[in-house]
Amino acid sequence: MENDKFSTLKKEVQEIIDLIVSKQNKEANNKLVEVSEMLDELLDFSDDDEDLMEISHYQVLLNQLHQKINTPVEGISDNEDRF
């Protein structure tokens, strides 16, 4: 069962990455919020050290994806491609 939780989480994170690559930042940000809530729920109900370590890895990844989505690139206007 635990594996299913992290498998689903992995799939959802991959969807965020795919949205970023296809330059759909608004949709990626919405998905990121949804996945963050799922991760918070997992954190609330986990007490196993291995699960907590895995959750922390996803937290770091989601933070990095959030920065990627929301950090403008210098010298490029909002109408131009960022990636």
C-alpha atoms as a PDB file:
ATOM      1  CA  MET A   1       0.000   0.000   0.000  1.00  0.00           C
ATOM      2  CA  GLU A   2       2.812   2.434   0.854  1.00  0.00           C
ATOM      3  CA  ASN A   3       4.338   1.789  -2.538  1.00  0.00           C
ATOM      4  CA  ASP A   4       1.064   2.815  -4.172  1.00  0.00           C
ATOM      5  CA  LYS A   5       1.152   6.180  -2.401  1.00  0.00           C
ATOM      6  CA  PHE A   6       4.629   6.961  -3.638  1.00  0.00           C
ATOM      7  CA  SER A   7       3.911   5.556  -7.100  1.00  0.00           C
ATOM      8  CA  THR A   8       0.958   7.914  -7.404  1.00  0.00           C
ATOM      9  CA  LEU A   9       3.058  10.783  -6.103  1.00  0.00           C
ATOM     10  CA  LYS A  10       5.804  10.017  -8.610  1.00  0.00           C
ATOM     11  CA  LYS A  11       3.256   9.977 -11.457  1.00  0.00           C
ATOM     12  CA  GLU A  12       1.789  13.306 -10.351  1.00  0.00           C
ATOM     13  CA  VAL A  13       5.229  14.937 -10.125  1.00  0.00           C
ATOM     14  CA  GLN A  14       6.031  13.687 -13.625  1.00  0.00           C
ATOM     15  CA  GLU A  15       2.853  15.381 -14.859  1.00  0.00           C
ATOM     16  CA  ILE A  16       4.088  18.667 -13.357  1.00  0.00           C
ATOM     17  CA  ILE A  17       7.420  18.265 -15.139  1.00  0.00           C
ATOM     18  CA  ASP A  18       5.652  17.488 -18.418  1.00  0.00           C
ATOM     19  CA  LEU A  19       3.508  20.614 -18.049  1.00  0.00           C
ATOM     20  CA  ILE A  20       6.612  22.740 -17.405  1.00  0.00           C
ATOM     21  CA  VAL A  21       8.323  21.316 -20.476  1.00  0.00           C
ATOM     22  CA  SER A  22       5.263  22.063 -22.592  1.00  0.00           C
ATOM     23  CA  LYS A  23       5.286  25.641 -21.214  1.00  0.00           C
ATOM     24  CA  GLN A  24       1.948  25.330 -19.461  1.00  0.00           C
ATOM     25  CA  ASN A  25       3.100  27.090 -16.302  1.00  0.00           C
ATOM     26  CA  LYS A  26      -0.339  27.953 -14.952  1.00  0.00           C
ATOM     27  CA  GLU A  27      -1.488  24.340 -15.208  1.00  0.00           C
ATOM     28  CA  ALA A  28       1.829  23.155 -13.758  1.00  0.00           C
ATOM     29  CA  ASN A  29       1.416  25.494 -10.806  1.00  0.00           C
ATOM     30  CA  ASN A  30      -2.147  24.277 -10.194  1.00  0.00           C
ATOM     31  CA  LYS A  31      -0.971  20.661 -10.296  1.00  0.00           C
ATOM     32  CA  LEU A  32       1.906  21.513  -7.966  1.00  0.00           C
ATOM     33  CA  VAL A  33      -0.535  22.893  -5.383  1.00  0.00           C
ATOM     34  CA  GLU A  34      -2.619  19.727  -5.654  1.00  0.00           C
ATOM     35  CA  VAL A  35       0.421  17.473  -5.225  1.00  0.00           C
ATOM     36  CA  SER A  36       1.691  19.584  -2.322  1.00  0.00           C
ATOM     37  CA  GLU A  37      -1.596  19.019  -0.530  1.00  0.00           C
ATOM     38  CA  MET A  38      -1.322  15.274  -1.173  1.00  0.00           C
ATOM     39  CA  LEU A  39       2.214  15.339   0.210  1.00  0.00           C
ATOM     40  CA  ASP A  40       1.087  17.251   3.312  1.00  0.00           C
ATOM     41  CA  GLU A  41      -1.569  14.628   3.926  1.00  0.00           C
ATOM     42  CA  LEU A  42       1.003  11.850   3.629  1.00  0.00           C
ATOM     43  CA  LEU A  43       3.227  13.712   6.063  1.00  0.00           C
ATOM     44  CA  ASP A  44       0.392  14.078   8.569  1.00  0.00           C
ATOM     45  CA  PHE A  45      -0.244  10.334   8.671  1.00  0.00           C
ATOM     46  CA  SER A  46       3.303   8.967   8.388  1.00  0.00           C
ATOM     47  CA  ASP A  47       5.480   7.971  11.285  1.00  0.00           C
ATOM     48  CA  ASP A  48       7.871   5.571   9.582  1.00  0.00           C
ATOM     49  CA  ASP A  49      11.362   7.052   9.175  1.00  0.00           C
ATOM     50  CA  GLU A  50      11.767   5.705   5.643  1.00  0.00           C
ATOM     51  CA  ASP A  51       8.466   7.245   4.577  1.00  0.00           C
ATOM     52  CA  LEU A  52       9.422  10.564   6.151  1.00  0.00           C
ATOM     53  CA  MET A  53      12.722  10.557   4.264  1.00  0.00           C
ATOM     54  CA  GLU A  54      10.935   9.825   0.990  1.00  0.00           C
ATOM     55  CA  ILE A  55       8.423  12.593   1.699  1.00  0.00           C
ATOM     56  CA  SER A  56      11.242  15.042   2.393  1.00  0.00           C
ATOM     57  CA  HIS A  57      12.794  14.217  -0.993  1.00  0.00           C
ATOM     58  CA  TYR A  58       9.511  15.050  -2.686  1.00  0.00           C
ATOM     59  CA  GLN A  59       9.237  18.276  -0.683  1.00  0.00           C
ATOM     60  CA  VAL A  60      12.626  19.397  -1.978  1.00  0.00           C
ATOM     61  CA  LEU A  61      11.688  18.451  -5.537  1.00  0.00           C
ATOM     62  CA  LEU A  62       8.377  20.311  -5.339  1.00  0.00           C
ATOM     63  CA  ASN A  63      10.171  23.394  -4.018  1.00  0.00           C
ATOM     64  CA  GLN A  64      12.580  23.270  -6.945  1.00  0.00           C
ATOM     65  CA  LEU A  65       9.719  22.859  -9.410  1.00  0.00           C
ATOM     66  CA  HIS A  66       7.899  25.777  -7.791  1.00  0.00           C
ATOM     67  CA  GLN A  67      10.976  27.955  -8.309  1.00  0.00           C
ATOM     68  CA  LYS A  68      11.274  26.807 -11.917  1.00  0.00           C
ATOM     69  CA  ILE A  69       7.647  27.669 -12.621  1.00  0.00           C
ATOM     70  CA  ASN A  70       7.604  31.027 -10.856  1.00  0.00           C
ATOM     71  CA  THR A  71      11.060  32.494 -11.484  1.00  0.00           C
ATOM     72  CA  PRO A  72      11.200  34.757 -14.514  1.00  0.00           C
ATOM     73  CA  VAL A  73      14.232  34.465 -16.741  1.00  0.00           C
ATOM     74  CA  GLU A  74      16.169  37.738 -17.117  1.00  0.00           C
ATOM     75  CA  GLY A  75      16.043  39.345 -20.511  1.00  0.00           C
ATOM     76  CA  ILE A  76      12.924  37.481 -21.615  1.00  0.00           C
ATOM     77  CA  SER A  77       9.518  39.117 -21.586  1.00  0.00           C
ATOM     78  CA  ASP A  78       6.414  37.255 -20.431  1.00  0.00           C
ATOM     79  CA  ASN A  79       5.378  36.798 -24.058  1.00  0.00           C
ATOM     80  CA  GLU A  80       8.568  34.967 -25.014  1.00  0.00           C
ATOM     81  CA  ASP A  81       9.552  31.372 -24.336  1.00  0.00           C
ATOM     82  CA  ARG A  82      11.268  30.763 -21.011  1.00  0.00           C
ATOM     83  CA  PHE A  83      12.540  27.223 -21.516  1.00  0.00           C
END
